[in-house]
Amino acid sequence: MDIVFHGAAGEVTGSCHLLEVGGKRVLLDCGMVQGDRKADTRNAADFPFDPKSIDVLVLSHAHIDHTGRVPLLVKRGFSGPIYTHPATVDLATIMLADCAHIAAMDAEWDNKHLQPGQPPTVPLYTQEAVDDAAKAMRPVAYNEPTEILPGVNLTLRDAGHILGSATVELAAAENGTTRRLVFSGDLGPTGTPILCDPAPVPAADLVVMESTYGDRLHKSRQDTIAELADIFAAAHRDGGNVVIPAFAVGRTQELLYFFAEHFDEWSLGEFRIFLDSPMAIRVTQAYDRHEDLFDAGAKALWAEKPHPLKLPNLTLSQDGETSRGINAIHHHAVILAGSGMCTGGRIRHHLRHNLANPAAHIVFVGYQANGTLGRSIVEGAKHVHLLGDEIPVRAHVHTVGGLSAHADKDGLSAWYGKIPEHPPVCLVHGEDPGRSKLAGALKVRWGCKVTLPIPDLRVTV
């Protein structure tokens, strides 16, 4: 059994790994590259393998950097089944439809401004390809071994990252021996609201593990709550808006959870709260449909406190007119909008109307990849180019790291350390030098062999 790394090998997006076993090919994830200035070109490029040659696709979770090229894979000839958790089926269909819609809108805009002799823009894929991909999805519950190919069994375990996120275990019998590859997917931290903690795996011959925060420690949950409380107190005092670039899946729901839990403590009744993301609204409704996956604390909050979707001052902004109306509000509004790295979506309009206001507070609650607008603002840019204008950055900028949906370096090490005999590990989904530092820490603490894959590297399990 061999694995060939084709994506997220030295970067944090574009997850894609090819497993070859018994003459069959299993693809692990098929994600988009995000944040890179050449992302559009890279996403439209040919796959480094023939899509028709792939027998099975397994998805770890619904985030676009893990699923975003699935419809393109189908469009270009993949016709096999797609195995993933039922909640991921639900969320991925929402997110991929949004991708198709954005691609269509971008193509329409480009084609209205064609230069003479310039070929028209064609969307990466359409809703038809999304529908075809959705039809191929086969739900697999946690902890229920499923034969996906002759002699190849798949087991999904809760990764605690977002709803339905899974660690993937593939056990393959070859020449009378069973070999086990474990792909962590994205691992969440312990104690995350709503979600259960990442589940341990009982055995592995090779571990492919994410390393997003391989060189960092997150703030404690208690310190994070205190930091958010201070931000809202300052915003109330300063009189400006609180603008939060929020990822539609996971981070938005966690924030709404905190708003319900601390509604009175943070004086949130004195703000108008806007969830300005149709996709985040649909995703939050999907969370409602999968309450069976919640941890005990979330189940209790949903039953006892104001429902996070029914806060008395929460406006769900579905249409463009409502979204544009928010831009006329300059004080005591809390605005959650995507995209989380500010690379597109409604958040860019809200930043345009708030970045120059010294009374406003911009709160980053997730990872900001290299090359993104969010990364520029976090790193202290004094001016940013936004929607055709140069906007001065006068607002207060906060980075609340304790809300990450990824385990930090200690969390990653602890999860790996529970695997018996500490098998070899390949670190993916991380930028250098972060993953290099994690590799060193794993070697020292657990005495394991660590590989840092680059694209097209082949490793035998």
Protein backbone atom coordinates (compact mmCIF):
# COMPACT_ATOMS: atom_id res chain seq x y z
CA MET A 1 0.00 0.00 0.00
CA ASP A 2 1.48 3.34 -1.13
CA ILE A 3 0.36 6.91 -0.59
CA VAL A 4 1.24 9.73 -2.97
CA PHE A 5 0.85 13.32 -1.74
CA HIS A 6 -0.71 15.69 -4.24
CA GLY A 7 -2.00 18.57 -2.09
CA ALA A 8 -1.55 20.31 1.27
CA ALA A 9 2.04 19.07 1.21
CA GLY A 10 3.81 22.08 2.67
CA GLU A 11 0.73 24.34 2.70
CA VAL A 12 -2.58 24.45 4.54
CA THR A 13 -5.11 24.15 1.71
CA GLY A 14 -5.75 21.85 -1.24
CA SER A 15 -5.85 18.57 0.70
CA CYS A 16 -5.45 15.65 -1.71
CA HIS A 17 -3.68 12.31 -1.17
CA LEU A 18 -3.77 9.21 -3.37
CA LEU A 19 -3.66 5.74 -1.86
CA GLU A 20 -2.73 2.81 -4.11
CA VAL A 21 -3.60 -0.64 -2.80
CA GLY A 22 -4.06 -3.97 -4.59
CA GLY A 23 -4.22 -2.33 -8.00
CA LYS A 24 -6.97 0.05 -6.82
CA ARG A 25 -6.80 3.78 -6.16
CA VAL A 26 -8.43 5.56 -3.20
CA LEU A 27 -8.33 9.35 -3.10
CA LEU A 28 -8.33 11.02 0.32
CA ASP A 29 -9.92 14.47 0.01
CA CYS A 30 -10.03 16.65 -3.08
CA GLY A 31 -9.78 20.21 -1.84
CA MET A 32 -9.36 23.66 -3.32
CA VAL A 33 -6.26 25.78 -2.95
CA GLN A 34 -7.22 28.97 -1.11
CA GLY A 35 -5.45 32.25 -0.42
CA ASP A 36 -2.67 31.73 -2.98
CA ARG A 37 -2.55 34.46 -5.65
CA LYS A 38 -2.40 31.69 -8.24
CA ALA A 39 -5.24 29.76 -6.59
CA ASP A 40 -7.68 30.08 -9.49
CA THR A 41 -5.09 28.84 -11.98
CA ARG A 42 -4.02 25.98 -9.70
CA ASN A 43 -7.60 24.88 -9.04
CA ALA A 44 -8.42 24.83 -12.76
CA ALA A 45 -5.26 22.92 -13.68
CA ASP A 46 -5.24 19.25 -14.64
CA PHE A 47 -5.19 16.78 -11.78
CA PRO A 48 -1.82 15.03 -11.35
CA PHE A 49 -3.66 11.75 -11.96
CA ASP A 50 -6.41 10.59 -14.28
CA PRO A 51 -9.76 11.18 -12.51
CA LYS A 52 -11.16 8.14 -14.36
CA SER A 53 -8.54 5.96 -12.67
CA ILE A 54 -9.81 6.73 -9.15
CA ASP A 55 -11.97 3.92 -7.77
CA VAL A 56 -13.14 5.52 -4.51
CA LEU A 57 -13.04 8.97 -2.91
CA VAL A 58 -13.08 9.42 0.88
CA LEU A 59 -13.74 12.85 2.38
CA SER A 60 -12.54 13.73 5.88
CA HIS A 61 -14.89 16.71 6.30
CA ALA A 62 -16.78 19.42 4.46
CA HIS A 63 -14.39 22.38 4.45
CA ILE A 64 -13.72 23.61 0.92
CA ASP A 65 -9.96 23.10 1.20
CA HIS A 66 -10.83 19.40 1.56
CA THR A 67 -13.84 19.09 -0.80
CA GLY A 68 -13.82 22.05 -3.18
CA ARG A 69 -12.56 20.24 -6.30
CA VAL A 70 -14.82 17.19 -5.92
CA PRO A 71 -17.36 18.41 -8.53
CA LEU A 72 -14.45 19.11 -10.90
CA LEU A 73 -13.15 15.58 -10.31
CA VAL A 74 -16.60 14.25 -11.25
CA LYS A 75 -16.82 16.61 -14.23
CA ARG A 76 -13.51 15.27 -15.52
CA GLY A 77 -14.40 11.63 -15.32
CA PHE A 78 -14.46 10.25 -11.77
CA SER A 79 -17.50 7.99 -11.46
CA GLY A 80 -16.93 6.04 -8.24
CA PRO A 81 -18.58 6.32 -4.83
CA ILE A 82 -17.72 9.05 -2.33
CA TYR A 83 -17.64 7.88 1.29
CA THR A 84 -17.98 10.32 4.15
CA HIS A 85 -19.92 11.01 7.35
CA PRO A 86 -23.68 11.80 7.00
CA ALA A 87 -23.20 15.31 8.42
CA THR A 88 -20.45 15.93 5.87
CA VAL A 89 -22.84 14.91 3.10
CA ASP A 90 -25.26 17.52 4.42
CA LEU A 91 -22.69 20.29 4.81
CA ALA A 92 -20.68 19.56 1.67
CA THR A 93 -23.72 19.84 -0.58
CA ILE A 94 -24.39 23.29 0.89
CA MET A 95 -20.80 24.47 0.56
CA LEU A 96 -20.18 23.11 -2.92
CA ALA A 97 -23.40 24.67 -4.18
CA ASP A 98 -22.12 27.98 -2.84
CA CYS A 99 -18.82 27.47 -4.67
CA ALA A 100 -20.65 26.80 -7.92
CA HIS A 101 -22.78 29.92 -7.43
CA ILE A 102 -19.73 32.10 -6.76
CA ALA A 103 -17.94 30.66 -9.79
CA ALA A 104 -20.95 31.45 -11.99
CA MET A 105 -21.21 35.01 -10.64
CA ASP A 106 -17.47 35.60 -11.11
CA ALA A 107 -17.62 34.30 -14.68
CA GLU A 108 -20.60 36.51 -15.44
CA TRP A 109 -18.75 39.55 -14.08
CA ASP A 110 -15.59 38.74 -16.03
CA ASN A 111 -17.51 38.21 -19.26
CA LYS A 112 -19.17 41.61 -18.94
CA HIS A 113 -15.73 43.19 -18.99
CA LEU A 114 -14.01 41.18 -21.72
CA GLN A 115 -11.26 42.88 -23.64
CA PRO A 116 -11.15 42.45 -27.43
CA GLY A 117 -9.81 39.02 -28.30
CA GLN A 118 -10.02 37.78 -24.71
CA PRO A 119 -11.69 34.35 -24.36
CA PRO A 120 -14.77 34.18 -22.13
CA THR A 121 -14.44 32.94 -18.56
CA VAL A 122 -15.90 29.50 -17.88
CA PRO A 123 -16.87 28.56 -14.28
CA LEU A 124 -14.72 25.89 -12.67
CA TYR A 125 -17.89 23.82 -12.35
CA THR A 126 -21.64 24.29 -12.24
CA GLN A 127 -24.48 23.20 -9.98
CA GLU A 128 -24.98 20.20 -12.27
CA ALA A 129 -21.54 18.88 -11.30
CA VAL A 130 -22.33 19.51 -7.64
CA ASP A 131 -25.54 17.51 -8.01
CA ASP A 132 -23.66 14.67 -9.67
CA ALA A 133 -21.13 14.64 -6.82
CA ALA A 134 -23.89 14.67 -4.20
CA LYS A 135 -25.55 11.65 -5.83
CA ALA A 136 -22.28 9.71 -5.46
CA MET A 137 -21.96 10.39 -1.72
CA ARG A 138 -22.38 7.38 0.56
CA PRO A 139 -22.88 8.12 4.28
CA VAL A 140 -20.73 6.22 6.78
CA ALA A 141 -21.34 6.61 10.52
CA TYR A 142 -18.55 6.91 13.06
CA ASN A 143 -16.97 3.67 14.31
CA GLU A 144 -18.72 1.40 11.80
CA PRO A 145 -16.18 -0.45 9.60
CA THR A 146 -17.29 -0.41 5.95
CA GLU A 147 -15.79 -2.35 3.06
CA ILE A 148 -15.23 0.18 0.28
CA LEU A 149 -13.19 -2.12 -1.98
CA PRO A 150 -12.47 -5.85 -1.83
CA GLY A 151 -10.17 -6.27 1.16
CA VAL A 152 -10.19 -2.56 2.04
CA ASN A 153 -12.16 -1.42 5.08
CA LEU A 154 -12.90 2.17 6.06
CA THR A 155 -13.56 3.33 9.62
CA LEU A 156 -14.35 6.96 10.45
CA ARG A 157 -13.74 8.37 13.91
CA ASP A 158 -14.81 11.76 15.28
CA ALA A 159 -12.06 14.33 14.64
CA GLY A 160 -13.72 17.07 16.71
CA HIS A 161 -12.96 19.75 14.08
CA ILE A 162 -16.40 20.59 12.63
CA LEU A 163 -19.69 18.76 12.52
CA GLY A 164 -19.12 15.39 10.83
CA SER A 165 -15.33 15.78 10.64
CA ALA A 166 -13.55 12.45 10.66
CA THR A 167 -10.24 10.78 11.11
CA VAL A 168 -9.98 8.20 8.33
CA GLU A 169 -8.67 4.69 9.02
CA LEU A 170 -8.09 2.42 6.03
CA ALA A 171 -7.20 -1.21 6.67
CA ALA A 172 -6.09 -3.20 3.63
CA ALA A 173 -5.26 -6.89 3.40
CA GLU A 174 -2.38 -7.63 1.03
CA ASN A 175 -0.41 -10.86 0.76
CA GLY A 176 -1.89 -12.16 3.98
CA THR A 177 -0.98 -9.04 5.98
CA THR A 178 -3.23 -6.19 7.04
CA ARG A 179 -1.75 -2.71 6.89
CA ARG A 180 -3.46 0.33 8.41
CA LEU A 181 -3.15 3.91 7.24
CA VAL A 182 -4.64 6.64 9.43
CA PHE A 183 -5.38 10.07 7.95
CA SER A 184 -6.16 12.53 10.71
CA GLY A 185 -8.10 14.95 8.53
CA ASP A 186 -8.22 18.18 10.52
CA LEU A 187 -8.14 17.58 14.29
CA GLY A 188 -10.01 19.81 16.69
CA PRO A 189 -8.85 20.85 20.16
CA THR A 190 -10.25 19.21 23.27
CA GLY A 191 -13.03 21.07 25.08
CA THR A 192 -14.45 22.74 21.97
CA PRO A 193 -18.07 23.88 22.40
CA ILE A 194 -20.73 21.83 20.60
CA LEU A 195 -18.37 19.10 19.37
CA CYS A 196 -17.01 16.00 21.04
CA ASP A 197 -13.26 15.67 21.55
CA PRO A 198 -11.14 13.96 18.84
CA ALA A 199 -11.35 10.19 19.21
CA PRO A 200 -8.17 8.13 19.51
CA VAL A 201 -7.32 5.47 16.95
CA PRO A 202 -6.43 1.96 18.13
CA ALA A 203 -3.65 1.14 15.66
CA ALA A 204 -1.77 2.39 12.60
CA ASP A 205 1.20 1.49 10.42
CA LEU A 206 1.43 5.03 9.02
CA VAL A 207 -0.19 8.24 10.26
CA VAL A 208 -0.82 11.16 7.91
CA MET A 209 -1.44 14.05 10.28
CA GLU A 210 -2.30 17.70 9.89
CA SER A 211 0.13 20.30 11.28
CA THR A 212 -1.65 23.64 10.83
CA TYR A 213 -0.60 24.92 14.25
CA GLY A 214 2.46 22.73 14.63
CA ASP A 215 4.50 25.49 16.27
CA ARG A 216 1.83 27.25 18.34
CA LEU A 217 -0.14 26.94 21.54
CA HIS A 218 -3.69 28.28 21.71
CA LYS A 219 -4.98 30.43 24.49
CA SER A 220 -7.04 28.60 27.06
CA ARG A 221 -10.80 28.56 26.57
CA GLN A 222 -11.18 30.58 29.77
CA ASP A 223 -8.76 33.27 28.56
CA THR A 224 -10.52 33.37 25.19
CA ILE A 225 -13.91 33.97 26.80
CA ALA A 226 -12.38 36.75 28.88
CA GLU A 227 -10.81 38.28 25.76
CA LEU A 228 -14.13 38.28 23.91
CA ALA A 229 -15.80 39.85 26.93
CA ASP A 230 -13.19 42.64 26.91
CA ILE A 231 -13.69 43.23 23.17
CA PHE A 232 -17.45 43.63 23.54
CA ALA A 233 -16.97 45.91 26.56
CA ALA A 234 -14.56 48.08 24.55
CA ALA A 235 -16.89 48.13 21.55
CA HIS A 236 -19.77 49.20 23.77
CA ARG A 237 -17.59 51.98 25.23
CA ASP A 238 -16.21 53.12 21.85
CA GLY A 239 -19.60 52.98 20.18
CA GLY A 240 -18.44 51.35 16.94
CA ASN A 241 -19.32 48.07 15.25
CA VAL A 242 -17.79 44.67 15.85
CA VAL A 243 -16.95 43.04 12.52
CA ILE A 244 -16.07 39.34 12.57
CA PRO A 245 -14.83 37.55 9.44
CA ALA A 246 -16.22 34.11 10.25
CA PHE A 247 -15.98 30.78 8.48
CA ALA A 248 -19.45 29.51 7.62
CA VAL A 249 -18.84 26.04 8.99
CA GLY A 250 -17.81 25.64 12.60
CA ARG A 251 -16.62 29.07 13.67
CA THR A 252 -19.94 30.81 13.08
CA GLN A 253 -21.85 28.20 15.06
CA GLU A 254 -19.31 28.34 17.90
CA LEU A 255 -19.64 32.13 18.11
CA LEU A 256 -23.43 31.95 18.18
CA TYR A 257 -23.10 29.36 20.93
CA PHE A 258 -20.95 31.77 22.97
CA PHE A 259 -23.38 34.62 22.30
CA ALA A 260 -26.22 32.53 23.75
CA GLU A 261 -24.12 31.35 26.69
CA HIS A 262 -22.86 34.85 27.61
CA PHE A 263 -25.74 36.98 26.30
CA ASP A 264 -26.31 38.90 29.53
CA GLU A 265 -22.71 38.85 30.75
CA TRP A 266 -21.47 40.52 27.54
CA SER A 267 -24.43 42.95 27.36
CA LEU A 268 -25.19 41.63 23.89
CA GLY A 269 -28.78 42.82 24.19
CA GLU A 270 -27.44 46.34 23.60
CA PHE A 271 -26.11 45.37 20.16
CA ARG A 272 -27.83 44.43 16.94
CA ILE A 273 -26.42 41.09 15.77
CA PHE A 274 -26.29 40.20 12.08
CA LEU A 275 -25.43 36.84 10.59
CA ASP A 276 -24.77 38.09 7.07
CA SER A 277 -24.05 34.86 5.25
CA PRO A 278 -26.71 32.77 3.53
CA MET A 279 -24.38 29.78 3.57
CA ALA A 280 -23.61 30.14 7.28
CA ILE A 281 -27.35 30.33 7.95
CA ARG A 282 -27.96 27.10 6.02
CA VAL A 283 -25.03 25.43 7.78
CA THR A 284 -26.31 26.48 11.21
CA GLN A 285 -29.67 24.99 10.34
CA ALA A 286 -27.84 21.79 9.37
CA TYR A 287 -26.24 21.75 12.82
CA ASP A 288 -29.78 21.66 14.19
CA ARG A 289 -30.43 18.51 12.16
CA HIS A 290 -27.47 16.71 13.73
CA GLU A 291 -27.88 17.40 17.44
CA ASP A 292 -27.07 13.75 18.08
CA LEU A 293 -23.40 14.63 17.41
CA PHE A 294 -23.26 17.41 20.02
CA ASP A 295 -21.44 17.05 23.31
CA ALA A 296 -23.39 17.09 26.58
CA GLY A 297 -22.84 20.80 27.20
CA ALA A 298 -24.22 21.82 23.82
CA LYS A 299 -27.28 19.61 24.18
CA ALA A 300 -28.00 21.25 27.53
CA LEU A 301 -27.54 24.79 26.17
CA TRP A 302 -29.80 24.13 23.20
CA ALA A 303 -32.50 23.02 25.64
CA GLU A 304 -32.11 25.60 28.40
CA LYS A 305 -30.71 28.89 27.03
CA PRO A 306 -31.95 31.04 24.15
CA HIS A 307 -31.42 28.95 21.04
CA PRO A 308 -28.35 30.33 19.19
CA LEU A 309 -30.50 30.77 16.08
CA LYS A 310 -33.24 32.55 18.03
CA LEU A 311 -31.40 35.24 19.93
CA PRO A 312 -33.88 38.12 20.33
CA ASN A 313 -31.69 40.64 18.47
CA LEU A 314 -30.29 38.33 15.79
CA THR A 315 -31.03 39.14 12.16
CA LEU A 316 -30.41 36.43 9.58
CA SER A 317 -29.38 38.33 6.47
CA GLN A 318 -30.33 36.16 3.51
CA ASP A 319 -30.60 38.65 0.66
CA GLY A 320 -28.38 41.34 -0.77
CA GLU A 321 -30.70 44.20 0.14
CA THR A 322 -30.59 43.31 3.85
CA SER A 323 -26.82 42.94 3.65
CA ARG A 324 -26.37 46.34 2.04
CA GLY A 325 -28.61 47.89 4.69
CA ILE A 326 -26.14 46.86 7.39
CA ASN A 327 -23.56 49.21 5.87
CA ALA A 328 -25.69 52.16 7.01
CA ILE A 329 -25.21 51.11 10.66
CA HIS A 330 -22.10 52.61 12.24
CA HIS A 331 -22.48 51.78 15.90
CA HIS A 332 -23.44 48.91 18.20
CA ALA A 333 -23.75 46.24 15.54
CA VAL A 334 -22.09 42.83 15.62
CA ILE A 335 -21.58 41.62 12.06
CA LEU A 336 -20.58 38.04 11.27
CA ALA A 337 -19.89 37.49 7.58
CA GLY A 338 -17.71 35.40 5.31
CA SER A 339 -15.27 34.66 4.01
CA GLY A 340 -13.20 33.90 7.07
CA MET A 341 -9.92 34.97 5.42
CA CYS A 342 -11.58 37.98 3.72
CA THR A 343 -10.78 36.64 0.26
CA GLY A 344 -14.33 37.18 -0.98
CA GLY A 345 -17.94 37.43 0.10
CA ARG A 346 -19.86 40.05 2.05
CA ILE A 347 -17.18 40.60 4.68
CA ARG A 348 -15.18 42.70 2.21
CA HIS A 349 -18.01 45.23 1.97
CA HIS A 350 -18.30 45.41 5.75
CA LEU A 351 -14.55 45.91 6.06
CA ARG A 352 -14.72 48.67 3.49
CA HIS A 353 -17.27 50.48 5.66
CA ASN A 354 -15.58 49.85 9.03
CA LEU A 355 -11.79 49.57 8.66
CA ALA A 356 -11.29 53.32 8.59
CA ASN A 357 -13.41 53.89 11.70
CA PRO A 358 -11.24 54.17 14.86
CA ALA A 359 -14.28 53.20 16.96
CA ALA A 360 -14.78 49.90 15.13
CA HIS A 361 -13.35 46.55 16.22
CA ILE A 362 -12.31 43.90 13.68
CA VAL A 363 -12.08 40.48 15.30
CA PHE A 364 -10.25 37.64 13.55
CA VAL A 365 -11.22 34.25 14.94
CA GLY A 366 -9.52 31.85 12.54
CA TYR A 367 -6.37 31.07 10.61
CA GLN A 368 -5.34 33.64 7.99
CA ALA A 369 -3.31 32.04 5.21
CA ASN A 370 -0.40 33.70 3.43
CA GLY A 371 -1.50 36.07 0.69
CA THR A 372 -4.99 36.76 2.07
CA LEU A 373 -6.48 40.13 2.94
CA GLY A 374 -7.05 38.86 6.48
CA ARG A 375 -3.35 38.03 6.87
CA SER A 376 -2.40 41.55 5.72
CA ILE A 377 -4.69 43.19 8.27
CA VAL A 378 -3.57 40.88 11.09
CA GLU A 379 0.07 41.64 10.30
CA GLY A 380 -0.54 45.37 10.75
CA ALA A 381 -1.10 46.80 7.27
CA LYS A 382 -1.80 50.54 7.46
CA HIS A 383 -3.74 50.55 4.19
CA VAL A 384 -5.38 47.76 2.19
CA HIS A 385 -6.62 47.62 -1.38
CA LEU A 386 -10.28 46.67 -1.18
CA LEU A 387 -12.99 46.73 -3.85
CA GLY A 388 -11.03 49.17 -5.99
CA ASP A 389 -10.14 51.59 -3.17
CA GLU A 390 -7.23 52.13 -0.82
CA ILE A 391 -8.73 51.89 2.68
CA PRO A 392 -6.82 53.11 5.74
CA VAL A 393 -6.82 50.70 8.69
CA ARG A 394 -7.79 52.75 11.75
CA ALA A 395 -10.07 50.22 13.48
CA HIS A 396 -8.95 48.14 16.43
CA VAL A 397 -7.75 44.75 15.14
CA HIS A 398 -7.96 41.68 17.39
CA THR A 399 -6.79 38.13 16.83
CA VAL A 400 -8.60 35.68 19.09
CA GLY A 401 -6.49 32.56 18.65
CA GLY A 402 -8.23 30.44 21.25
CA LEU A 403 -11.20 29.85 18.96
CA SER A 404 -9.25 27.79 16.47
CA ALA A 405 -10.95 24.64 15.25
CA HIS A 406 -7.51 23.03 14.93
CA ALA A 407 -5.56 21.36 17.69
CA ASP A 408 -2.38 23.21 18.68
CA LYS A 409 1.07 21.63 18.82
CA ASP A 410 0.46 20.01 22.21
CA GLY A 411 -2.97 18.76 21.15
CA LEU A 412 -1.56 17.22 17.97
CA SER A 413 1.26 15.57 19.89
CA ALA A 414 -1.09 14.22 22.56
CA TRP A 415 -3.48 12.76 19.94
CA TYR A 416 -0.62 11.08 18.12
CA GLY A 417 0.89 9.83 21.37
CA LYS A 418 -2.17 7.70 22.10
CA ILE A 419 -1.49 5.52 19.04
CA PRO A 420 0.27 2.31 20.16
CA GLU A 421 3.92 1.82 19.18
CA HIS A 422 4.15 5.35 17.71
CA PRO A 423 4.21 4.51 13.99
CA PRO A 424 5.86 6.67 11.30
CA VAL A 425 4.07 9.93 10.64
CA CYS A 426 3.80 12.21 7.61
CA LEU A 427 2.93 15.83 8.40
CA VAL A 428 0.62 17.56 5.94
CA HIS A 429 -1.72 20.57 5.95
CA GLY A 430 0.90 22.88 7.44
CA GLU A 431 3.30 25.59 6.38
CA ASP A 432 7.00 25.55 7.16
CA PRO A 433 8.60 26.26 9.56
CA GLY A 434 5.58 25.27 11.69
CA ARG A 435 5.41 21.65 10.65
CA SER A 436 9.20 21.31 10.89
CA LYS A 437 9.02 22.36 14.53
CA LEU A 438 6.22 19.86 15.15
CA ALA A 439 8.32 17.16 13.51
CA GLY A 440 11.16 17.89 15.89
CA ALA A 441 8.83 17.86 18.88
CA LEU A 442 7.30 14.51 17.87
CA LYS A 443 10.73 12.93 17.42
CA VAL A 444 11.88 14.11 20.85
CA ARG A 445 8.69 13.20 22.74
CA TRP A 446 7.72 9.95 21.01
CA GLY A 447 10.84 8.78 19.19
CA CYS A 448 8.97 8.37 15.93
CA LYS A 449 10.07 8.72 12.32
CA VAL A 450 8.64 11.88 10.72
CA THR A 451 8.42 12.76 7.03
CA LEU A 452 7.55 16.20 5.64
CA PRO A 453 5.90 15.41 2.28
CA ILE A 454 6.30 17.55 -0.79
CA PRO A 455 4.00 17.23 -3.83
CA ASP A 456 4.28 13.87 -5.63
CA LEU A 457 6.22 12.20 -2.80
CA ARG A 458 5.43 8.47 -2.57
CA VAL A 459 5.55 6.66 0.78
CA THR A 460 4.99 2.95 1.35
CA VAL A 461 2.76 2.02 4.26
